[in-house]
N, C-alpha and C. Protein backbone atom coordinates (compact mmCIF):
# COMPACT_ATOMS: atom_id res chain seq x y z
N MET A 1 99.44 122.14 112.90
CA MET A 1 100.13 123.53 112.73
C MET A 1 101.23 123.67 113.57
N ALA A 2 102.04 124.68 113.38
CA ALA A 2 103.22 124.86 114.18
C ALA A 2 102.93 125.01 115.55
N SER A 3 103.84 124.79 116.47
CA SER A 3 103.61 124.81 117.93
C SER A 3 104.69 125.69 118.54
N GLN A 4 104.47 125.92 119.80
CA GLN A 4 105.53 126.75 120.56
C GLN A 4 105.56 125.92 121.95
N VAL A 5 106.85 125.64 122.25
CA VAL A 5 107.07 124.95 123.45
C VAL A 5 107.77 125.86 124.50
N PRO A 6 107.26 126.05 125.69
CA PRO A 6 107.90 126.95 126.72
C PRO A 6 109.12 126.18 127.17
N PRO A 7 110.08 127.05 127.85
CA PRO A 7 111.28 126.48 128.20
C PRO A 7 111.14 125.54 129.44
N GLN A 8 111.86 124.49 129.64
CA GLN A 8 111.77 123.57 130.69
C GLN A 8 112.29 124.23 131.95
N LYS A 9 111.65 124.12 133.06
CA LYS A 9 112.04 124.75 134.27
C LYS A 9 112.81 123.59 135.10
N SER A 10 114.13 123.75 135.31
CA SER A 10 114.76 122.76 136.10
C SER A 10 114.89 123.17 137.55
N ALA A 11 115.07 122.08 138.39
CA ALA A 11 115.11 122.35 139.73
C ALA A 11 116.32 123.19 140.32
N ALA A 12 117.46 122.90 139.51
CA ALA A 12 118.59 123.53 139.83
C ALA A 12 118.78 124.77 139.00
N PRO A 13 119.44 125.93 139.62
CA PRO A 13 119.54 127.04 138.87
C PRO A 13 120.67 126.82 137.81
N SER A 14 120.34 127.46 136.69
CA SER A 14 121.24 127.30 135.50
C SER A 14 122.28 128.38 135.49
N ALA A 15 123.31 127.99 134.70
CA ALA A 15 124.39 129.12 134.60
C ALA A 15 123.88 130.10 133.72
N ASN A 16 122.95 130.02 132.83
CA ASN A 16 122.33 131.02 132.00
C ASN A 16 121.02 131.34 132.50
N PRO A 17 120.76 132.26 133.24
CA PRO A 17 119.35 132.41 133.69
C PRO A 17 118.28 132.83 132.64
N GLN A 18 118.75 133.26 131.41
CA GLN A 18 117.81 133.55 130.41
C GLN A 18 117.03 132.35 129.91
N ASP A 19 115.73 132.67 129.82
CA ASP A 19 114.86 131.46 129.35
C ASP A 19 115.02 131.32 127.81
N VAL A 20 115.05 130.12 127.40
CA VAL A 20 115.06 129.80 125.87
C VAL A 20 113.87 129.14 125.50
N TRP A 21 113.26 129.57 124.51
CA TRP A 21 112.05 129.02 123.95
C TRP A 21 112.15 128.18 122.70
N ASP A 22 111.67 126.98 122.53
CA ASP A 22 111.75 126.28 121.34
C ASP A 22 110.63 126.55 120.53
N VAL A 23 110.57 127.08 119.39
CA VAL A 23 109.64 127.43 118.57
C VAL A 23 109.64 126.69 117.21
N GLU A 24 108.55 126.06 116.98
CA GLU A 24 108.48 125.27 115.63
C GLU A 24 108.00 126.33 114.57
N LEU A 25 108.91 126.68 113.72
CA LEU A 25 108.60 127.60 112.71
C LEU A 25 108.08 126.86 111.38
N LEU A 26 108.49 125.74 111.10
CA LEU A 26 108.13 125.14 109.87
C LEU A 26 107.85 123.67 110.14
N HIS A 27 106.83 123.13 109.64
CA HIS A 27 106.46 121.71 109.98
C HIS A 27 106.13 121.08 108.56
N VAL A 28 106.75 119.92 108.31
CA VAL A 28 106.42 119.06 107.24
C VAL A 28 105.87 117.70 107.77
N HIS A 29 104.65 117.32 107.33
CA HIS A 29 104.12 116.05 107.86
C HIS A 29 103.69 115.16 106.73
N VAL A 30 104.30 113.90 106.60
CA VAL A 30 103.91 113.01 105.69
C VAL A 30 103.22 111.87 106.35
N SER A 31 102.15 111.40 105.74
CA SER A 31 101.37 110.34 106.45
C SER A 31 100.95 109.42 105.23
N ARG A 32 100.48 108.24 105.59
CA ARG A 32 100.01 107.34 104.51
C ARG A 32 98.70 106.56 105.15
N LYS A 33 97.92 106.36 104.13
CA LYS A 33 96.74 105.47 104.50
C LYS A 33 96.67 104.44 103.43
N GLY A 34 97.02 103.18 103.77
CA GLY A 34 97.18 102.16 102.57
C GLY A 34 98.27 102.55 101.71
N GLN A 35 98.03 102.64 100.50
CA GLN A 35 98.97 103.06 99.40
C GLN A 35 98.88 104.50 99.20
N LEU A 36 98.01 105.25 99.82
CA LEU A 36 97.99 106.77 99.62
C LEU A 36 98.86 107.43 100.60
N VAL A 37 99.80 108.27 99.84
CA VAL A 37 100.74 109.04 100.74
C VAL A 37 100.37 110.43 100.57
N ASN A 38 100.28 111.24 101.82
CA ASN A 38 99.90 112.55 101.78
C ASN A 38 101.09 113.53 102.61
N ALA A 39 101.50 114.54 101.82
CA ALA A 39 102.47 115.38 102.46
C ALA A 39 101.93 116.86 102.65
N GLU A 40 101.97 117.31 103.77
CA GLU A 40 101.43 118.69 104.11
C GLU A 40 102.56 119.50 104.74
N TRP A 41 102.41 120.81 104.77
CA TRP A 41 103.39 121.66 105.50
C TRP A 41 102.63 122.82 106.08
N ALA A 42 103.24 123.29 107.25
CA ALA A 42 102.58 124.34 107.90
C ALA A 42 103.68 125.32 108.26
N LEU A 43 103.33 126.58 108.58
CA LEU A 43 104.19 127.70 108.90
C LEU A 43 103.72 128.42 110.13
N HIS A 44 104.56 128.74 111.08
CA HIS A 44 104.10 129.60 112.21
C HIS A 44 103.46 130.81 111.82
N PRO A 45 102.16 131.05 112.38
CA PRO A 45 101.32 132.15 111.97
C PRO A 45 102.02 133.52 111.97
N GLN A 46 102.90 133.80 112.94
CA GLN A 46 103.69 134.92 112.99
C GLN A 46 104.47 135.19 111.81
N ILE A 47 105.23 134.20 111.27
CA ILE A 47 106.03 134.42 110.18
C ILE A 47 105.18 134.60 108.88
N LYS A 48 104.05 133.85 108.76
CA LYS A 48 103.15 134.10 107.73
C LYS A 48 102.69 135.55 107.59
N ALA A 49 102.48 136.12 108.78
CA ALA A 49 101.88 137.56 108.74
C ALA A 49 103.08 138.49 108.44
N ASP A 50 104.19 138.14 108.73
CA ASP A 50 105.40 139.00 108.49
C ASP A 50 105.92 139.00 107.05
N LEU A 51 105.43 137.94 106.21
CA LEU A 51 105.84 137.88 104.88
C LEU A 51 104.99 138.80 103.89
N SER A 52 105.68 139.28 102.90
CA SER A 52 104.97 140.00 101.89
C SER A 52 104.25 138.90 100.97
N ALA A 53 103.31 139.62 100.17
CA ALA A 53 102.66 138.67 99.25
C ALA A 53 103.46 137.94 98.33
N ASP A 54 104.58 138.47 97.84
CA ASP A 54 105.51 137.81 96.88
C ASP A 54 106.23 136.84 97.61
N GLU A 55 106.70 137.15 98.90
CA GLU A 55 107.48 136.14 99.70
C GLU A 55 106.53 135.01 99.96
N TRP A 56 105.31 135.18 100.39
CA TRP A 56 104.47 134.19 100.64
C TRP A 56 104.15 133.20 99.46
N LYS A 57 104.13 133.90 98.29
CA LYS A 57 103.90 133.09 97.11
C LYS A 57 105.08 132.08 96.72
N GLU A 58 106.29 132.79 96.90
CA GLU A 58 107.49 132.15 96.59
C GLU A 58 107.65 130.95 97.64
N LEU A 59 107.41 131.22 98.95
CA LEU A 59 107.49 130.04 99.87
C LEU A 59 106.54 128.99 99.66
N GLY A 60 105.29 129.36 99.29
CA GLY A 60 104.27 128.37 98.90
C GLY A 60 104.83 127.49 97.82
N GLU A 61 105.36 128.11 96.72
CA GLU A 61 105.87 127.32 95.58
C GLU A 61 107.00 126.38 96.01
N LEU A 62 107.92 126.85 96.84
CA LEU A 62 109.04 125.99 97.31
C LEU A 62 108.59 124.92 98.14
N MET A 63 107.59 125.26 99.10
CA MET A 63 107.11 124.11 100.01
C MET A 63 106.34 123.18 99.25
N ASN A 64 105.55 123.56 98.17
CA ASN A 64 104.94 122.54 97.49
C ASN A 64 105.76 121.46 96.74
N LYS A 65 107.05 122.07 96.29
CA LYS A 65 107.95 121.17 95.73
C LYS A 65 108.68 120.37 96.78
N VAL A 66 108.82 120.78 97.90
CA VAL A 66 109.34 120.00 99.05
C VAL A 66 108.45 118.97 99.36
N THR A 67 107.14 119.14 99.59
CA THR A 67 106.14 118.15 99.90
C THR A 67 106.10 117.07 98.82
N THR A 68 106.11 117.58 97.61
CA THR A 68 106.14 116.68 96.40
C THR A 68 107.25 115.64 96.54
N ILE A 69 108.46 116.30 96.65
CA ILE A 69 109.66 115.36 96.75
C ILE A 69 109.58 114.40 97.82
N VAL A 70 109.25 114.83 99.15
CA VAL A 70 109.19 114.04 100.26
C VAL A 70 108.15 113.05 100.11
N GLY A 71 106.99 113.40 99.67
CA GLY A 71 105.90 112.41 99.40
C GLY A 71 106.21 111.41 98.46
N HIS A 72 106.92 111.86 97.35
CA HIS A 72 107.36 110.85 96.33
C HIS A 72 108.35 109.84 96.81
N ARG A 73 109.36 110.40 97.50
CA ARG A 73 110.35 109.48 98.14
C ARG A 73 109.80 108.50 99.14
N PHE A 74 108.89 108.99 99.96
CA PHE A 74 108.23 108.24 101.01
C PHE A 74 107.37 107.13 100.37
N SER A 75 106.68 107.41 99.16
CA SER A 75 105.99 106.40 98.34
C SER A 75 106.87 105.39 97.77
N GLN A 76 108.00 105.84 97.31
CA GLN A 76 108.99 104.95 96.79
C GLN A 76 109.50 103.95 97.77
N ALA A 77 109.89 104.45 99.05
CA ALA A 77 110.38 103.51 100.02
C ALA A 77 109.32 102.66 100.45
N LEU A 78 108.08 103.05 100.51
CA LEU A 78 106.90 102.13 100.88
C LEU A 78 106.71 100.99 99.91
N GLY A 79 106.88 101.48 98.69
CA GLY A 79 106.76 100.40 97.49
C GLY A 79 107.84 99.31 97.57
N GLU A 80 109.07 99.79 97.98
CA GLU A 80 110.18 98.79 98.10
C GLU A 80 109.96 97.95 99.39
N ALA A 81 109.50 98.51 100.44
CA ALA A 81 109.36 97.83 101.77
C ALA A 81 108.21 96.88 101.81
N GLU A 82 107.22 97.16 101.10
CA GLU A 82 105.95 96.33 101.26
C GLU A 82 105.33 96.05 99.78
N PRO A 83 105.72 95.04 99.18
CA PRO A 83 105.10 94.72 97.81
C PRO A 83 103.60 94.71 97.86
N ALA A 84 103.00 94.98 96.87
CA ALA A 84 101.49 94.94 96.77
C ALA A 84 101.04 93.55 96.93
N PRO A 85 99.93 93.38 97.74
CA PRO A 85 99.36 91.92 97.83
C PRO A 85 98.96 91.48 96.49
N PRO A 86 98.86 90.15 96.32
CA PRO A 86 98.35 89.52 95.05
C PRO A 86 96.88 89.84 94.89
N GLY A 87 96.46 90.21 93.69
CA GLY A 87 95.01 90.48 93.51
C GLY A 87 94.25 89.31 93.16
N ASN A 88 93.01 89.32 93.21
CA ASN A 88 92.06 88.22 92.88
C ASN A 88 91.72 88.27 91.37
N ALA A 89 92.07 87.26 90.65
CA ALA A 89 91.72 87.23 89.13
C ALA A 89 90.42 86.57 88.93
């Protein structure tokens, strides 16, 4: 799921004393197991809570398209890089 990383504390005082947080709002993860490719996405819980039902539906449809495209491209690249081993006849 999405994560939040606190600002790094440096030993030296910085020119800008305001803390800056890195927040992962959207995460797309593609993995494979053998020839099976799986693409998933996650959204920061606060953003999900702030979206209306229509916005959530639209985002879900768009992200499903994204994961399909990314997963398909990953699968293509995998097929080009590693030919299938010969089978036993």
